[in-house]
Amino acid sequence: MTNINDLRKVRLEKLEAIKSVGILPYPAKVKRTSTINDALSDFDKLAKEEKEIILAGRIRAQRGHGGLLFLDLTDASGKIQLILKKNRVGEEDFDFFVCNIDIGDFIEVRGILFETQKKEKTLEIASYKILTKSLLPLPDKWCGISDIEERFRKRYLDLLCNEDVKKKFVLRANIIKEIRNFLEKEGFMEVETPVLQPLYGGTEAKPFKTHLNALDMDLYLRIAPELYLKRLIVGGFEKIYEIGKCFRNEGVDKSHNPDFTMLEFYWAYADDKDMMKLAEKMFEYFLKKSFGTLEIERDGKIIDFKAPWERIEYDALIKKYAKVDIISANRDTLFKKAKELEVKVENVSSKAQIEDAIYKKYCLPQLWNPTFVIHHPEANIGLAKPLDEDPTKLGSIQLVVAGWELVKAYAELNDPIRQKNVFQEQEDLFVDGVEDAQRMDTDYIEALEYGMPPTAGFGMGIDRLVTLLTNSKTLREMIFFPTMKSKENTENRDSK
């Protein structure tokens, strides 16, 4: 088997041969007059008129027959067959191409379209120009590679050689576009809030910490944009949203990545019931636009997104599937019960964290079609507002689909005194060793003291959404460049 270094050496020699005759192997100017898709769409007209066009792209296949050379050329829009004839371009240019141009190289070709006897739409090359000389050969069959992690490390090759992967990312982009379109139609304005924050907040999570030399201050990569978005509500905006990166220094698994894309939007004068209706409406909009249907296949089963979706109380769900009454149980009783149920909890875990661990193990797998899990206990979400009719429960929503948590939404706590007390409880937990507890944000409390109207908020992980909708197994499949352990570290680990 030929060593890849030997193949690279041969291509370096071809590169020098190209340079030796005064040809630039990496020119800046390209004269493309048409994409491949446009050429194929207008094929009949262009072929009939024998109008010369100029295409540019990467060579993906090459096969020769004497004085003929057939090529497959691709660009982002499609693929077309080329034919290079010795008696058309001349012996010197033909031989130069054969000797120095490889699969993987980018070329510019000028010529006329015609149809072969086998009805293959083809461009006959009148002249060509090298645009990029590739020094490494493309994999012959990337789809069959045994090391799946190599696909994620070298995503560029994965995209080149696996059309299904590329289509999924195009679908991801379209889903995000349609979500934006929906929110804009509903009167929401897109905003941007700081990624580097002096104090992280908005949920319970471990942050990434860095240092700003110019101001000699520590900063954190945001774990959520929530508190800044709500400051904008205080500032007078009523419908705002943000789609952007968040960062959490936590575990990596099929549904978690240290950096991920989050959608959050906030709606003044709305409550949790309004938010559930809007969520159903939004999903119907972007699913029909992106898929043309509300029935999505996953794991060989159909998810039916047709509204209205089922609503079930959080405590009732745990009682149904785990046989635990979280309302009457205190923290220590619940901790003991979690151990009996073989649920992993820490000695420092709060009651809310224990409830959540039981819920994730026993309840999430039971929910397939979209389900709103509502009214979490008061202590479970420190930024949510209690229900007027039952202050022990929150105006909270969690959307679960196919066992995946997709959305967390709730009526926002806008009582500054109560919010300060909640922050203080979280701060005490942090001091006691709970690393992912929320911190006391006095600036946010001050903002609330100026007054924030009743508001509903919504948060959804985009990566998790598209992973679920595209029938992918892990978030890494739907993030262009997921966080990966370096290959050297992996190899060192495997050798131990």
Protein backbone atom coordinates (compact mmCIF):
# COMPACT_ATOMS: atom_id res chain seq x y z
CA MET A 1 0.00 0.00 0.00
CA THR A 2 1.32 3.42 -0.96
CA ASN A 3 2.27 5.61 1.98
CA ILE A 4 0.45 8.97 2.15
CA ASN A 5 3.79 10.71 2.59
CA ASP A 6 4.98 9.20 -0.68
CA LEU A 7 1.83 10.45 -2.42
CA ARG A 8 2.41 13.91 -0.99
CA LYS A 9 6.01 13.85 -2.24
CA VAL A 10 4.78 13.06 -5.77
CA ARG A 11 2.31 15.94 -5.62
CA LEU A 12 5.02 18.30 -4.41
CA GLU A 13 7.03 17.35 -7.45
CA LYS A 14 4.02 18.16 -9.65
CA LEU A 15 3.69 21.49 -7.86
CA GLU A 16 7.28 22.34 -8.75
CA ALA A 17 6.65 21.26 -12.35
CA ILE A 18 3.70 23.67 -12.53
CA LYS A 19 5.80 26.50 -11.12
CA SER A 20 8.72 25.72 -13.44
CA VAL A 21 6.73 26.68 -16.55
CA GLY A 22 5.61 29.97 -15.04
CA ILE A 23 2.10 28.92 -14.00
CA LEU A 24 0.74 30.13 -10.68
CA PRO A 25 -0.57 27.07 -8.78
CA TYR A 26 -2.60 29.27 -6.39
CA PRO A 27 -3.83 32.27 -8.42
CA ALA A 28 -6.10 34.89 -6.87
CA LYS A 29 -8.39 35.60 -9.81
CA VAL A 30 -11.19 33.33 -11.02
CA LYS A 31 -13.38 34.05 -14.07
CA ARG A 32 -16.32 31.76 -13.32
CA THR A 33 -19.42 32.79 -15.29
CA SER A 34 -21.79 30.12 -13.97
CA THR A 35 -22.22 27.64 -11.15
CA ILE A 36 -22.60 24.00 -12.11
CA ASN A 37 -26.24 23.99 -11.02
CA ASP A 38 -27.02 27.05 -13.13
CA ALA A 39 -25.27 25.47 -16.14
CA LEU A 40 -27.28 22.29 -15.79
CA SER A 41 -30.53 24.21 -15.27
CA ASP A 42 -29.96 26.20 -18.50
CA PHE A 43 -28.36 23.24 -20.27
CA ASP A 44 -30.73 22.99 -23.26
CA LYS A 45 -30.48 26.68 -24.08
CA LEU A 46 -26.70 26.91 -23.59
CA ALA A 47 -26.03 23.72 -25.55
CA LYS A 48 -28.26 24.78 -28.44
CA GLU A 49 -26.62 28.20 -28.66
CA GLU A 50 -23.15 26.60 -28.24
CA LYS A 51 -22.38 29.41 -25.83
CA GLU A 52 -19.07 29.14 -24.02
CA ILE A 53 -19.22 29.22 -20.24
CA ILE A 54 -16.59 29.11 -17.51
CA LEU A 55 -16.96 26.76 -14.55
CA ALA A 56 -14.76 26.34 -11.49
CA GLY A 57 -14.59 23.54 -8.96
CA ARG A 58 -12.78 20.53 -7.56
CA ILE A 59 -11.94 17.41 -9.57
CA ARG A 60 -13.59 14.43 -7.90
CA ALA A 61 -12.98 11.69 -10.48
CA GLN A 62 -10.73 11.14 -13.47
CA ARG A 63 -10.64 8.40 -16.11
CA GLY A 64 -8.73 8.32 -19.39
CA HIS A 65 -9.22 6.71 -22.79
CA GLY A 66 -6.30 7.38 -25.10
CA GLY A 67 -6.55 10.99 -26.22
CA LEU A 68 -9.64 11.55 -24.08
CA LEU A 69 -9.87 12.35 -20.39
CA PHE A 70 -13.20 12.30 -18.55
CA LEU A 71 -13.49 14.25 -15.29
CA ASP A 72 -16.13 14.87 -12.64
CA LEU A 73 -16.11 18.50 -11.47
CA THR A 74 -17.98 19.63 -8.35
CA ASP A 75 -18.77 22.92 -6.71
CA ALA A 76 -21.15 23.72 -3.85
CA SER A 77 -24.11 23.60 -6.23
CA GLY A 78 -23.58 20.24 -7.92
CA LYS A 79 -21.53 17.96 -10.20
CA ILE A 80 -20.91 17.86 -13.95
CA GLN A 81 -18.89 15.70 -16.31
CA LEU A 82 -16.02 17.28 -18.26
CA ILE A 83 -14.20 15.93 -21.27
CA LEU A 84 -10.67 16.94 -22.20
CA LYS A 85 -9.67 16.06 -25.76
CA LYS A 86 -6.09 16.04 -26.96
CA ASN A 87 -7.14 17.14 -30.44
CA ARG A 88 -9.11 20.05 -28.93
CA VAL A 89 -6.66 21.59 -26.45
CA GLY A 90 -3.46 20.40 -28.12
CA GLU A 91 -0.98 17.69 -27.23
CA GLU A 92 1.15 19.89 -24.96
CA ASP A 93 -1.73 21.12 -22.77
CA PHE A 94 -3.30 17.66 -22.70
CA ASP A 95 -0.09 15.94 -21.59
CA PHE A 96 0.60 18.68 -19.04
CA PHE A 97 -2.84 18.11 -17.50
CA VAL A 98 -2.40 14.33 -17.39
CA CYS A 99 1.03 14.62 -15.78
CA ASN A 100 0.37 17.35 -13.22
CA ILE A 101 -3.35 17.64 -12.37
CA ASP A 102 -4.86 15.28 -9.79
CA ILE A 103 -8.16 14.36 -8.21
CA GLY A 104 -8.71 16.95 -5.49
CA ASP A 105 -7.25 19.86 -7.44
CA PHE A 106 -9.35 22.94 -8.18
CA ILE A 107 -9.52 24.04 -11.80
CA GLU A 108 -11.23 26.61 -13.99
CA VAL A 109 -12.54 25.32 -17.33
CA ARG A 110 -13.90 27.13 -20.38
CA GLY A 111 -15.98 25.28 -22.94
CA ILE A 112 -19.29 24.36 -24.55
CA LEU A 113 -22.01 22.09 -23.15
CA PHE A 114 -23.19 19.03 -25.06
CA GLU A 115 -24.87 15.68 -24.40
CA THR A 116 -22.98 12.42 -24.89
CA GLN A 117 -24.39 9.33 -26.58
CA LYS A 118 -25.21 8.04 -23.09
CA LYS A 119 -27.24 11.22 -22.46
CA GLU A 120 -24.67 12.56 -19.99
CA LYS A 121 -24.64 16.34 -19.75
CA THR A 122 -21.03 17.30 -20.35
CA LEU A 123 -18.76 20.28 -20.88
CA GLU A 124 -16.05 19.95 -23.53
CA ILE A 125 -12.98 21.80 -22.31
CA ALA A 126 -11.52 24.40 -24.67
CA SER A 127 -9.03 25.65 -22.09
CA TYR A 128 -8.25 25.13 -18.44
CA LYS A 129 -6.48 26.86 -15.57
CA ILE A 130 -5.16 25.49 -12.29
CA LEU A 131 -6.72 27.25 -9.29
CA THR A 132 -5.42 25.17 -6.37
CA LYS A 133 -2.94 22.31 -6.35
CA SER A 134 -3.86 19.83 -3.61
CA LEU A 135 -0.96 18.14 -1.85
CA LEU A 136 -2.87 15.36 -0.10
CA PRO A 137 -5.21 12.87 -1.82
CA LEU A 138 -8.87 12.68 -0.87
CA PRO A 139 -9.99 9.50 0.92
CA ASP A 140 -11.34 6.87 -1.45
CA LYS A 141 -14.28 5.89 0.75
CA TRP A 142 -14.72 8.13 3.77
CA CYS A 143 -18.11 6.71 4.66
CA GLY A 144 -16.60 3.36 5.49
CA ILE A 145 -13.90 4.67 7.82
CA SER A 146 -13.70 2.70 11.06
CA ASP A 147 -12.59 5.59 13.31
CA ILE A 148 -15.76 7.68 13.51
CA GLU A 149 -14.01 10.30 15.66
CA GLU A 150 -11.67 11.03 12.76
CA ARG A 151 -14.71 12.25 10.82
CA PHE A 152 -15.34 14.89 13.46
CA ARG A 153 -11.67 15.91 13.70
CA LYS A 154 -11.43 16.29 9.93
CA ARG A 155 -14.91 17.54 9.24
CA TYR A 156 -13.79 19.08 5.94
CA LEU A 157 -13.15 15.58 4.58
CA ASP A 158 -16.36 14.29 6.09
CA LEU A 159 -18.29 16.99 4.22
CA LEU A 160 -16.42 16.37 0.98
CA CYS A 161 -16.97 12.65 0.97
CA ASN A 162 -20.32 12.21 2.69
CA GLU A 163 -23.16 14.00 0.92
CA ASP A 164 -25.69 13.01 3.62
CA VAL A 165 -23.63 14.82 6.26
CA LYS A 166 -23.51 17.95 4.13
CA LYS A 167 -27.28 17.81 3.58
CA LYS A 168 -27.86 17.63 7.32
CA PHE A 169 -25.88 20.81 7.90
CA VAL A 170 -27.76 22.56 5.11
CA LEU A 171 -30.97 21.47 6.85
CA ARG A 172 -29.64 22.81 10.15
CA ALA A 173 -29.03 26.21 8.56
CA ASN A 174 -32.53 26.21 7.07
CA ILE A 175 -34.15 25.35 10.42
CA ILE A 176 -32.35 28.27 12.09
CA LYS A 177 -33.36 30.57 9.24
CA GLU A 178 -37.03 29.59 9.56
CA ILE A 179 -36.96 30.03 13.34
CA ARG A 180 -35.63 33.53 12.77
CA ASN A 181 -38.31 34.17 10.15
CA PHE A 182 -41.03 33.05 12.56
CA LEU A 183 -39.82 35.21 15.42
CA GLU A 184 -39.45 38.23 13.15
CA LYS A 185 -43.02 37.71 11.86
CA GLU A 186 -44.20 37.56 15.48
CA GLY A 187 -42.60 40.94 16.17
CA PHE A 188 -39.44 39.80 17.98
CA MET A 189 -36.22 41.75 17.45
CA GLU A 190 -32.83 40.02 17.31
CA VAL A 191 -30.27 41.37 19.78
CA GLU A 192 -26.75 40.53 20.93
CA THR A 193 -25.56 40.32 24.52
CA PRO A 194 -22.05 39.82 25.98
CA VAL A 195 -20.31 36.48 25.59
CA LEU A 196 -17.61 37.58 28.04
CA GLN A 197 -19.29 38.42 31.34
CA PRO A 198 -17.93 39.65 34.68
CA LEU A 199 -20.33 37.27 36.41
CA TYR A 200 -21.95 34.21 34.86
CA GLY A 201 -25.64 33.53 35.41
CA GLY A 202 -28.95 32.41 33.95
CA THR A 203 -28.82 28.78 35.03
CA GLU A 204 -26.87 26.33 37.17
CA ALA A 205 -23.65 25.36 35.39
CA LYS A 206 -19.87 25.49 35.72
CA PRO A 207 -18.34 28.32 33.66
CA PHE A 208 -15.12 28.73 31.71
CA LYS A 209 -12.94 31.44 33.27
CA THR A 210 -10.48 33.74 31.53
CA HIS A 211 -8.62 37.00 32.26
CA LEU A 212 -8.80 40.33 30.46
CA ASN A 213 -5.31 41.85 30.59
CA ALA A 214 -6.35 45.33 29.43
CA LEU A 215 -8.58 45.86 32.48
CA ASP A 216 -6.85 43.31 34.74
CA MET A 217 -10.10 41.52 35.51
CA ASP A 218 -11.41 37.98 35.45
CA LEU A 219 -14.23 37.22 33.01
CA TYR A 220 -16.41 34.21 32.25
CA LEU A 221 -17.73 32.79 29.01
CA ARG A 222 -21.48 33.01 29.33
CA ILE A 223 -23.41 29.94 30.35
CA ALA A 224 -26.65 31.64 29.18
CA PRO A 225 -27.69 35.07 27.85
CA GLU A 226 -30.75 35.21 30.11
CA LEU A 227 -29.88 37.91 32.63
CA TYR A 228 -28.69 40.36 29.98
CA LEU A 229 -31.75 39.76 27.83
CA LYS A 230 -33.99 40.49 30.80
CA ARG A 231 -32.05 43.70 31.43
CA LEU A 232 -33.20 44.69 27.93
CA ILE A 233 -36.80 43.98 28.92
CA VAL A 234 -36.26 46.35 31.87
CA GLY A 235 -34.92 48.83 29.31
CA GLY A 236 -38.21 48.89 27.44
CA PHE A 237 -38.02 46.20 24.76
CA GLU A 238 -40.99 43.83 24.78
CA LYS A 239 -40.09 41.08 22.30
CA ILE A 240 -36.42 40.15 21.86
CA TYR A 241 -34.43 37.06 20.94
CA GLU A 242 -30.85 35.92 20.57
CA ILE A 243 -29.28 32.93 18.83
CA GLY A 244 -25.69 32.50 19.92
CA LYS A 245 -22.99 30.42 21.54
CA CYS A 246 -23.02 29.47 25.22
CA PHE A 247 -20.32 27.62 27.15
CA ARG A 248 -20.49 25.22 30.08
CA ASN A 249 -17.47 23.52 31.60
CA GLU A 250 -19.23 20.23 32.16
CA GLY A 251 -19.45 16.70 30.80
CA VAL A 252 -19.54 15.62 27.17
CA ASP A 253 -22.09 13.05 26.01
CA LYS A 254 -24.57 12.46 23.22
CA SER A 255 -26.70 15.48 24.22
CA HIS A 256 -24.04 17.82 25.67
CA ASN A 257 -21.09 19.74 24.24
CA PRO A 258 -19.00 22.35 26.12
CA ASP A 259 -19.91 25.05 23.58
CA PHE A 260 -23.32 24.99 21.98
CA THR A 261 -25.83 27.20 20.21
CA MET A 262 -28.76 28.51 22.21
CA LEU A 263 -31.97 30.27 21.23
CA GLU A 264 -33.50 32.45 23.93
CA PHE A 265 -36.39 34.86 23.57
CA TYR A 266 -38.35 37.00 26.00
CA TRP A 267 -41.90 38.30 25.70
CA ALA A 268 -43.19 41.06 27.98
CA TYR A 269 -46.77 40.86 29.32
CA ALA A 270 -46.92 37.13 28.51
CA ASP A 271 -47.01 34.09 30.82
CA ASP A 272 -46.23 30.38 30.67
CA LYS A 273 -49.55 29.55 28.98
CA ASP A 274 -48.88 32.11 26.24
CA MET A 275 -45.42 30.62 25.77
CA MET A 276 -46.75 27.08 25.29
CA LYS A 277 -49.11 28.28 22.55
CA LEU A 278 -46.30 30.20 20.86
CA ALA A 279 -43.97 27.19 21.04
CA GLU A 280 -46.56 24.97 19.32
CA LYS A 281 -47.05 27.62 16.67
CA MET A 282 -43.30 28.05 16.12
CA PHE A 283 -42.63 24.33 15.72
CA GLU A 284 -45.49 23.98 13.26
CA TYR A 285 -44.07 26.88 11.22
CA PHE A 286 -40.45 25.81 10.91
CA LEU A 287 -41.19 22.08 10.60
CA LYS A 288 -43.53 22.66 7.67
CA LYS A 289 -41.05 25.07 6.07
CA SER A 290 -38.04 22.76 6.55
CA PHE A 291 -39.60 19.28 6.28
CA GLY A 292 -43.03 19.84 4.75
CA THR A 293 -44.64 17.76 7.50
CA LEU A 294 -45.29 17.62 11.25
CA GLU A 295 -44.41 13.91 11.39
CA ILE A 296 -40.69 13.36 11.86
CA GLU A 297 -39.05 9.94 11.82
CA ARG A 298 -36.55 9.04 14.52
CA ASP A 299 -35.15 5.63 15.47
CA GLY A 300 -37.66 3.95 13.20
CA LYS A 301 -40.63 5.64 14.90
CA ILE A 302 -42.70 8.72 14.11
CA ILE A 303 -42.75 11.83 16.30
CA ASP A 304 -46.07 13.62 15.81
CA PHE A 305 -45.68 17.38 16.39
CA LYS A 306 -49.33 18.18 15.72
CA ALA A 307 -50.69 20.49 18.41
CA PRO A 308 -52.01 20.66 21.05
CA TRP A 309 -49.25 18.83 22.94
CA GLU A 310 -49.83 16.94 26.18
CA ARG A 311 -49.27 18.82 29.44
CA ILE A 312 -48.34 16.98 32.63
CA GLU A 313 -47.26 18.23 36.06
CA TYR A 314 -43.65 17.55 37.06
CA ASP A 315 -44.48 15.98 40.42
CA ALA A 316 -47.25 13.83 38.89
CA LEU A 317 -44.81 12.56 36.26
CA ILE A 318 -42.25 11.47 38.86
CA LYS A 319 -44.96 9.85 40.96
CA LYS A 320 -46.24 7.96 37.91
CA TYR A 321 -42.93 6.52 36.69
CA ALA A 322 -40.62 6.53 39.74
CA LYS A 323 -43.32 5.95 42.38
CA VAL A 324 -41.91 8.84 44.43
CA ASP A 325 -43.94 11.63 46.06
CA ILE A 326 -41.55 14.57 45.85
CA ILE A 327 -44.07 16.93 47.47
CA SER A 328 -44.18 15.16 50.83
CA ALA A 329 -40.55 13.91 50.88
CA ASN A 330 -37.84 16.05 52.45
CA ARG A 331 -34.30 16.25 51.08
CA ASP A 332 -32.82 13.40 53.16
CA THR A 333 -35.72 11.06 52.48
CA LEU A 334 -35.45 11.79 48.77
CA PHE A 335 -31.67 11.24 48.83
CA LYS A 336 -32.20 7.81 50.40
CA LYS A 337 -34.90 6.96 47.87
CA ALA A 338 -32.62 7.99 44.98
CA LYS A 339 -29.97 5.56 46.23
CA GLU A 340 -32.57 2.79 46.37
CA LEU A 341 -33.54 3.63 42.78
CA GLU A 342 -29.85 3.51 41.77
CA VAL A 343 -29.93 7.15 40.72
CA LYS A 344 -26.54 8.85 40.85
CA VAL A 345 -26.58 11.80 43.27
CA GLU A 346 -23.90 13.57 45.28
CA ASN A 347 -23.82 14.09 49.04
CA VAL A 348 -23.98 17.86 48.44
CA SER A 349 -26.91 17.61 46.00
CA SER A 350 -29.91 19.75 46.84
CA LYS A 351 -33.45 18.40 46.92
CA ALA A 352 -34.12 19.96 43.52
CA GLN A 353 -31.03 18.29 42.04
CA ILE A 354 -32.07 14.92 43.43
CA GLU A 355 -35.57 15.33 41.98
CA ASP A 356 -34.05 16.20 38.62
CA ALA A 357 -31.79 13.15 38.65
CA ILE A 358 -34.75 10.85 39.37
CA TYR A 359 -36.80 12.60 36.69
CA LYS A 360 -34.10 12.19 34.05
CA LYS A 361 -33.62 8.49 34.71
CA TYR A 362 -37.22 7.38 35.15
CA CYS A 363 -39.41 9.92 33.34
CA LEU A 364 -37.62 11.27 30.28
CA PRO A 365 -37.39 7.90 28.50
CA GLN A 366 -41.19 7.53 28.77
CA LEU A 367 -41.99 10.70 26.79
CA TRP A 368 -41.96 10.32 23.00
CA ASN A 369 -44.34 12.79 21.35
CA PRO A 370 -43.91 16.46 22.35
CA THR A 371 -44.90 16.88 25.99
CA PHE A 372 -44.92 19.96 28.19
CA VAL A 373 -43.71 19.04 31.67
CA ILE A 374 -45.05 21.91 33.77
CA HIS A 375 -45.11 23.44 37.25
CA HIS A 376 -41.80 22.43 38.78
CA PRO A 377 -41.46 22.83 42.57
CA GLU A 378 -40.56 26.32 43.74
CA ALA A 379 -36.89 25.60 44.50
CA ASN A 380 -36.11 23.95 41.15
CA ILE A 381 -35.66 27.06 38.98
CA GLY A 382 -34.31 30.10 40.78
CA LEU A 383 -35.27 32.60 38.07
CA ALA A 384 -38.88 31.47 37.58
CA LYS A 385 -41.99 33.04 39.10
CA PRO A 386 -44.31 31.00 41.38
CA LEU A 387 -47.91 30.47 40.32
CA ASP A 388 -50.38 32.98 41.73
CA GLU A 389 -52.77 30.16 42.65
CA ASP A 390 -50.10 27.88 44.18
CA PRO A 391 -46.85 29.56 45.28
CA THR A 392 -45.23 26.17 45.94
CA LYS A 393 -45.09 25.58 42.18
CA LEU A 394 -43.58 27.58 39.33
CA GLY A 395 -45.02 28.85 36.08
CA SER A 396 -42.47 26.67 34.35
CA ILE A 397 -42.39 24.56 31.18
CA GLN A 398 -40.05 21.91 29.92
CA LEU A 399 -40.63 20.55 26.42
CA VAL A 400 -39.59 16.90 26.07
CA VAL A 401 -39.49 15.08 22.73
CA ALA A 402 -38.33 11.48 22.22
CA GLY A 403 -36.81 11.48 25.70
CA TRP A 404 -34.78 14.64 25.02
CA GLU A 405 -35.15 17.90 26.92
CA LEU A 406 -35.51 20.51 24.18
CA VAL A 407 -36.92 23.61 25.83
CA LYS A 408 -36.99 25.28 29.21
CA ALA A 409 -39.39 28.20 29.54
CA TYR A 410 -41.14 29.99 32.35
CA ALA A 411 -42.81 33.09 33.68
CA GLU A 412 -39.85 35.21 34.81
CA LEU A 413 -39.38 36.15 38.45
CA ASN A 414 -39.54 39.95 38.53
CA ASP A 415 -39.78 40.49 42.30
CA PRO A 416 -36.32 41.91 43.18
CA ILE A 417 -36.54 41.06 46.89
CA ARG A 418 -37.52 37.46 46.25
CA GLN A 419 -34.88 37.16 43.50
CA LYS A 420 -32.19 38.44 45.88
CA ASN A 421 -33.18 35.83 48.46
CA VAL A 422 -33.02 33.08 45.83
CA PHE A 423 -29.57 34.26 44.73
CA GLN A 424 -28.41 34.29 48.34
CA GLU A 425 -29.53 30.68 48.81
CA GLN A 426 -27.60 29.75 45.66
CA GLU A 427 -24.57 31.71 46.84
CA ASP A 428 -24.61 29.79 50.13
CA LEU A 429 -24.67 26.51 48.18
CA PHE A 430 -21.68 27.70 46.14
CA VAL A 431 -19.75 28.48 49.32
CA ASP A 432 -20.63 24.99 50.60
CA GLY A 433 -19.07 23.40 47.51
CA VAL A 434 -21.85 23.22 44.93
CA GLU A 435 -19.76 24.41 41.97
CA ASP A 436 -22.63 24.88 39.52
CA ALA A 437 -24.79 26.97 41.85
CA GLN A 438 -25.84 30.41 40.62
CA ARG A 439 -24.08 33.49 41.97
CA MET A 440 -25.34 36.67 43.58
CA ASP A 441 -25.74 39.21 40.77
CA THR A 442 -26.32 42.54 42.52
CA ASP A 443 -26.34 44.47 39.22
CA TYR A 444 -29.22 42.34 37.94
CA ILE A 445 -31.10 42.82 41.23
CA GLU A 446 -30.68 46.57 40.84
CA ALA A 447 -32.10 46.35 37.31
CA LEU A 448 -35.15 44.50 38.66
CA GLU A 449 -35.63 47.20 41.29
CA TYR A 450 -36.27 49.68 38.47
CA GLY A 451 -39.10 47.37 37.43
CA MET A 452 -39.51 44.56 34.89
CA PRO A 453 -43.01 43.88 33.53
CA PRO A 454 -44.51 40.39 33.75
CA THR A 455 -42.47 38.45 31.21
CA ALA A 456 -42.20 34.93 29.80
CA GLY A 457 -38.87 33.52 28.64
CA PHE A 458 -37.92 30.60 26.39
CA GLY A 459 -34.62 28.75 25.93
CA MET A 460 -33.82 25.96 23.45
CA GLY A 461 -30.57 24.28 22.44
CA ILE A 462 -30.30 24.46 18.65
CA ASP A 463 -27.78 21.63 18.39
CA ARG A 464 -29.99 19.30 20.38
CA LEU A 465 -33.03 20.27 18.28
CA VAL A 466 -31.40 19.54 14.92
CA THR A 467 -29.77 16.36 16.24
CA LEU A 468 -33.19 15.05 17.17
CA LEU A 469 -34.94 16.20 13.97
CA THR A 470 -32.26 14.78 11.63
CA ASN A 471 -32.28 11.36 13.31
CA SER A 472 -28.66 11.83 14.38
CA LYS A 473 -27.30 9.99 17.39
CA THR A 474 -25.17 12.66 19.07
CA LEU A 475 -24.70 16.42 19.10
CA ARG A 476 -21.26 15.92 17.61
CA GLU A 477 -22.89 14.88 14.34
CA MET A 478 -24.66 18.24 14.06
CA ILE A 479 -21.89 20.58 15.24
CA PHE A 480 -19.39 21.34 12.49
CA PHE A 481 -16.40 21.17 14.83
CA PRO A 482 -17.40 19.51 18.12
CA THR A 483 -15.07 19.57 21.11
CA MET A 484 -12.71 16.61 20.81
CA LYS A 485 -9.82 15.32 22.82
CA SER A 486 -6.63 15.80 20.79
CA LYS A 487 -5.56 12.80 18.76
CA GLU A 488 -2.23 12.69 20.58
CA ASN A 489 -3.94 12.52 23.98
CA THR A 490 -6.31 9.82 22.73
CA GLU A 491 -3.44 7.74 21.38
CA ASN A 492 -1.53 8.12 24.64
CA ARG A 493 -4.61 7.05 26.60
CA ASP A 494 -5.19 4.01 24.40
CA SER A 495 -1.56 2.90 24.73
CA LYS A 496 -1.71 2.77 28.53
